[in-house]
Amino acid sequence: MDPGRWDTPVTFEEDDRGGFRTITSAEEAARALLKRWPVDDGEEFWEAQRVCLAVMQGERPAEDSRSAFLKAAAEAGVFIRDQ
């Protein structure tokens, strides 16, 4: 079992055409932040990347990355459909 897996997935709008993506782990969140995020700056954006890495290295619990991802989404104005 993936130690970075979240108990509750997060579904977010990944583009302006209404496409949605569901994230279920710290690794998926890190990928989304690096490759699919509408901004590449911001305090919560950088913190979410740091937290996801720490979770993947076994230094923090998985739910920390979920919380950080949601904060980064709020900061970037990303619509969250399911949380």
N, C-alpha and C. Protein backbone atom coordinates (compact mmCIF):
# COMPACT_ATOMS: atom_id res chain seq x y z
N MET A 1 0.84 -1.19 0.00
CA MET A 1 0.00 0.00 0.00
C MET A 1 0.88 1.25 0.00
N ASP A 2 0.45 2.25 -0.74
CA ASP A 2 1.18 3.51 -0.85
C ASP A 2 1.01 4.31 0.44
N PRO A 3 2.10 4.59 1.16
CA PRO A 3 1.98 5.36 2.40
C PRO A 3 1.54 6.81 2.17
N GLY A 4 1.64 7.28 0.93
CA GLY A 4 1.23 8.64 0.62
C GLY A 4 -0.21 8.74 0.14
N ARG A 5 -0.93 7.61 0.14
CA ARG A 5 -2.31 7.59 -0.36
C ARG A 5 -3.25 8.29 0.62
N TRP A 6 -4.17 9.08 0.09
CA TRP A 6 -5.12 9.82 0.91
C TRP A 6 -6.35 8.98 1.21
N ASP A 7 -6.96 9.22 2.35
CA ASP A 7 -8.21 8.55 2.70
C ASP A 7 -9.36 9.03 1.81
N THR A 8 -9.34 10.33 1.47
CA THR A 8 -10.40 10.92 0.65
C THR A 8 -9.77 11.63 -0.55
N PRO A 9 -10.09 11.21 -1.78
CA PRO A 9 -9.54 11.86 -2.97
C PRO A 9 -10.02 13.30 -3.11
N VAL A 10 -9.32 14.07 -3.93
CA VAL A 10 -9.69 15.45 -4.24
C VAL A 10 -9.84 15.55 -5.76
N THR A 11 -10.98 16.07 -6.22
CA THR A 11 -11.21 16.27 -7.64
C THR A 11 -11.19 17.77 -7.92
N PHE A 12 -10.34 18.16 -8.88
CA PHE A 12 -10.21 19.59 -9.18
C PHE A 12 -10.32 19.83 -10.68
N GLU A 13 -10.67 21.07 -11.03
CA GLU A 13 -10.75 21.46 -12.43
C GLU A 13 -9.35 21.78 -12.91
N GLU A 14 -8.87 21.02 -13.90
CA GLU A 14 -7.49 21.19 -14.31
C GLU A 14 -7.29 22.09 -15.52
N ASP A 15 -8.36 22.51 -16.16
CA ASP A 15 -8.21 23.44 -17.27
C ASP A 15 -9.47 24.29 -17.41
N ASP A 16 -9.38 25.28 -18.26
CA ASP A 16 -10.50 26.21 -18.41
C ASP A 16 -11.61 25.66 -19.31
N ARG A 17 -11.46 24.42 -19.78
CA ARG A 17 -12.49 23.80 -20.61
C ARG A 17 -13.40 22.88 -19.80
N GLY A 18 -13.23 22.87 -18.49
CA GLY A 18 -14.09 22.06 -17.64
C GLY A 18 -13.60 20.65 -17.39
N GLY A 19 -12.34 20.37 -17.72
CA GLY A 19 -11.79 19.05 -17.46
C GLY A 19 -11.46 18.88 -15.98
N PHE A 20 -11.77 17.72 -15.44
CA PHE A 20 -11.51 17.46 -14.03
C PHE A 20 -10.51 16.32 -13.87
N ARG A 21 -9.78 16.35 -12.78
CA ARG A 21 -8.80 15.32 -12.45
C ARG A 21 -8.97 14.98 -10.97
N THR A 22 -8.86 13.71 -10.66
CA THR A 22 -8.95 13.26 -9.27
C THR A 22 -7.57 12.86 -8.79
N ILE A 23 -7.20 13.40 -7.64
CA ILE A 23 -5.90 13.13 -7.02
C ILE A 23 -6.14 12.27 -5.79
N THR A 24 -5.31 11.24 -5.63
CA THR A 24 -5.51 10.31 -4.52
C THR A 24 -4.28 10.13 -3.63
N SER A 25 -3.18 10.84 -3.94
CA SER A 25 -1.96 10.62 -3.16
C SER A 25 -1.03 11.81 -3.24
N ALA A 26 -0.02 11.80 -2.38
CA ALA A 26 0.99 12.86 -2.38
C ALA A 26 1.74 12.88 -3.71
N GLU A 27 2.04 11.71 -4.25
CA GLU A 27 2.76 11.64 -5.52
C GLU A 27 1.94 12.25 -6.65
N GLU A 28 0.68 11.92 -6.73
CA GLU A 28 -0.19 12.50 -7.76
C GLU A 28 -0.33 14.01 -7.57
N ALA A 29 -0.42 14.45 -6.33
CA ALA A 29 -0.53 15.89 -6.05
C ALA A 29 0.72 16.61 -6.50
N ALA A 30 1.89 16.04 -6.21
CA ALA A 30 3.15 16.66 -6.62
C ALA A 30 3.21 16.78 -8.14
N ARG A 31 2.81 15.73 -8.84
CA ARG A 31 2.80 15.77 -10.31
C ARG A 31 1.85 16.85 -10.83
N ALA A 32 0.67 16.93 -10.23
CA ALA A 32 -0.30 17.95 -10.66
C ALA A 32 0.25 19.35 -10.43
N LEU A 33 0.88 19.57 -9.29
CA LEU A 33 1.44 20.88 -8.98
C LEU A 33 2.56 21.24 -9.97
N LEU A 34 3.35 20.29 -10.36
CA LEU A 34 4.48 20.55 -11.25
C LEU A 34 4.09 20.66 -12.71
N LYS A 35 3.09 19.89 -13.14
CA LYS A 35 2.80 19.81 -14.57
C LYS A 35 1.45 20.36 -15.00
N ARG A 36 0.50 20.47 -14.09
CA ARG A 36 -0.86 20.83 -14.49
C ARG A 36 -1.42 22.04 -13.75
N TRP A 37 -0.58 22.74 -13.02
CA TRP A 37 -1.05 23.83 -12.18
C TRP A 37 -1.08 25.13 -12.97
N PRO A 38 -2.08 25.98 -12.75
CA PRO A 38 -2.20 27.22 -13.53
C PRO A 38 -1.17 28.29 -13.15
N VAL A 39 -0.54 28.15 -12.01
CA VAL A 39 0.49 29.11 -11.58
C VAL A 39 1.72 28.34 -11.13
N ASP A 40 2.86 29.02 -11.15
CA ASP A 40 4.09 28.36 -10.70
C ASP A 40 4.78 29.16 -9.60
N ASP A 41 3.95 29.81 -8.79
CA ASP A 41 4.49 30.59 -7.68
C ASP A 41 3.40 30.72 -6.62
N GLY A 42 3.81 31.20 -5.46
CA GLY A 42 2.88 31.40 -4.36
C GLY A 42 3.33 30.62 -3.15
N GLU A 43 3.10 31.18 -1.99
CA GLU A 43 3.53 30.55 -0.74
C GLU A 43 2.94 29.16 -0.55
N GLU A 44 1.64 29.01 -0.79
CA GLU A 44 0.99 27.71 -0.60
C GLU A 44 1.40 26.71 -1.68
N PHE A 45 1.65 27.20 -2.88
CA PHE A 45 2.15 26.35 -3.97
C PHE A 45 3.47 25.70 -3.58
N TRP A 46 4.42 26.51 -3.13
CA TRP A 46 5.73 25.98 -2.73
C TRP A 46 5.62 25.10 -1.50
N GLU A 47 4.79 25.49 -0.55
CA GLU A 47 4.63 24.67 0.66
C GLU A 47 4.03 23.31 0.30
N ALA A 48 3.07 23.28 -0.59
CA ALA A 48 2.46 22.01 -0.99
C ALA A 48 3.50 21.10 -1.64
N GLN A 49 4.38 21.66 -2.45
CA GLN A 49 5.43 20.84 -3.04
C GLN A 49 6.35 20.27 -1.97
N ARG A 50 6.74 21.11 -1.01
CA ARG A 50 7.61 20.64 0.08
C ARG A 50 6.94 19.54 0.89
N VAL A 51 5.67 19.73 1.21
CA VAL A 51 4.95 18.74 2.02
C VAL A 51 4.78 17.43 1.25
N CYS A 52 4.44 17.51 -0.02
CA CYS A 52 4.31 16.28 -0.82
C CYS A 52 5.61 15.50 -0.84
N LEU A 53 6.72 16.19 -1.01
CA LEU A 53 8.03 15.52 -0.99
C LEU A 53 8.29 14.88 0.36
N ALA A 54 8.00 15.59 1.43
CA ALA A 54 8.21 15.04 2.78
C ALA A 54 7.35 13.80 3.00
N VAL A 55 6.14 13.81 2.50
CA VAL A 55 5.26 12.63 2.63
C VAL A 55 5.85 11.46 1.84
N MET A 56 6.30 11.72 0.63
CA MET A 56 6.86 10.65 -0.20
C MET A 56 8.13 10.07 0.41
N GLN A 57 8.83 10.88 1.20
CA GLN A 57 10.04 10.40 1.88
C GLN A 57 9.74 9.78 3.23
N GLY A 58 8.46 9.71 3.59
CA GLY A 58 8.05 9.09 4.84
C GLY A 58 8.25 9.95 6.07
N GLU A 59 8.41 11.26 5.87
CA GLU A 59 8.67 12.17 6.98
C GLU A 59 7.41 12.81 7.56
N ARG A 60 6.31 12.73 6.82
CA ARG A 60 5.05 13.33 7.28
C ARG A 60 3.90 12.43 6.89
N PRO A 61 2.75 12.56 7.58
CA PRO A 61 1.59 11.74 7.22
C PRO A 61 0.96 12.19 5.89
N ALA A 62 0.34 11.26 5.20
CA ALA A 62 -0.25 11.51 3.89
C ALA A 62 -1.25 12.66 3.90
N GLU A 63 -2.05 12.73 4.94
CA GLU A 63 -3.10 13.76 4.98
C GLU A 63 -2.54 15.18 5.03
N ASP A 64 -1.28 15.34 5.45
CA ASP A 64 -0.65 16.66 5.41
C ASP A 64 -0.54 17.15 3.97
N SER A 65 -0.22 16.25 3.05
CA SER A 65 -0.10 16.65 1.65
C SER A 65 -1.46 17.00 1.06
N ARG A 66 -2.48 16.31 1.49
CA ARG A 66 -3.84 16.61 1.02
C ARG A 66 -4.25 18.02 1.45
N SER A 67 -4.02 18.32 2.71
CA SER A 67 -4.34 19.64 3.25
C SER A 67 -3.55 20.73 2.53
N ALA A 68 -2.27 20.48 2.30
CA ALA A 68 -1.42 21.46 1.61
C ALA A 68 -1.88 21.65 0.17
N PHE A 69 -2.29 20.57 -0.49
CA PHE A 69 -2.79 20.65 -1.86
C PHE A 69 -4.04 21.52 -1.92
N LEU A 70 -4.95 21.32 -0.98
CA LEU A 70 -6.18 22.13 -0.95
C LEU A 70 -5.87 23.61 -0.71
N LYS A 71 -4.90 23.91 0.13
CA LYS A 71 -4.52 25.31 0.36
C LYS A 71 -3.91 25.91 -0.91
N ALA A 72 -3.09 25.14 -1.61
CA ALA A 72 -2.50 25.62 -2.86
C ALA A 72 -3.60 25.87 -3.90
N ALA A 73 -4.60 25.00 -3.93
CA ALA A 73 -5.72 25.18 -4.86
C ALA A 73 -6.47 26.47 -4.55
N ALA A 74 -6.73 26.72 -3.28
CA ALA A 74 -7.43 27.95 -2.89
C ALA A 74 -6.61 29.17 -3.29
N GLU A 75 -5.32 29.12 -3.05
CA GLU A 75 -4.44 30.23 -3.40
C GLU A 75 -4.46 30.52 -4.90
N ALA A 76 -4.49 29.46 -5.72
CA ALA A 76 -4.43 29.60 -7.17
C ALA A 76 -5.80 29.81 -7.81
N GLY A 77 -6.86 29.74 -7.00
CA GLY A 77 -8.21 29.89 -7.54
C GLY A 77 -8.67 28.68 -8.33
N VAL A 78 -8.12 27.52 -8.00
CA VAL A 78 -8.50 26.27 -8.67
C VAL A 78 -9.80 25.75 -8.06
N PHE A 79 -10.77 25.45 -8.92
CA PHE A 79 -12.05 24.95 -8.45
C PHE A 79 -11.92 23.50 -7.98
N ILE A 80 -12.35 23.24 -6.75
CA ILE A 80 -12.36 21.89 -6.19
C ILE A 80 -13.79 21.38 -6.25
N ARG A 81 -14.00 20.29 -6.98
CA ARG A 81 -15.35 19.72 -7.10
C ARG A 81 -15.66 18.81 -5.92
N ASP A 82 -14.75 17.94 -5.59
CA ASP A 82 -14.95 17.01 -4.48
C ASP A 82 -13.76 17.11 -3.55
N GLN A 83 -14.06 17.25 -2.27
CA GLN A 83 -12.99 17.27 -1.29
C GLN A 83 -13.44 16.54 -0.07
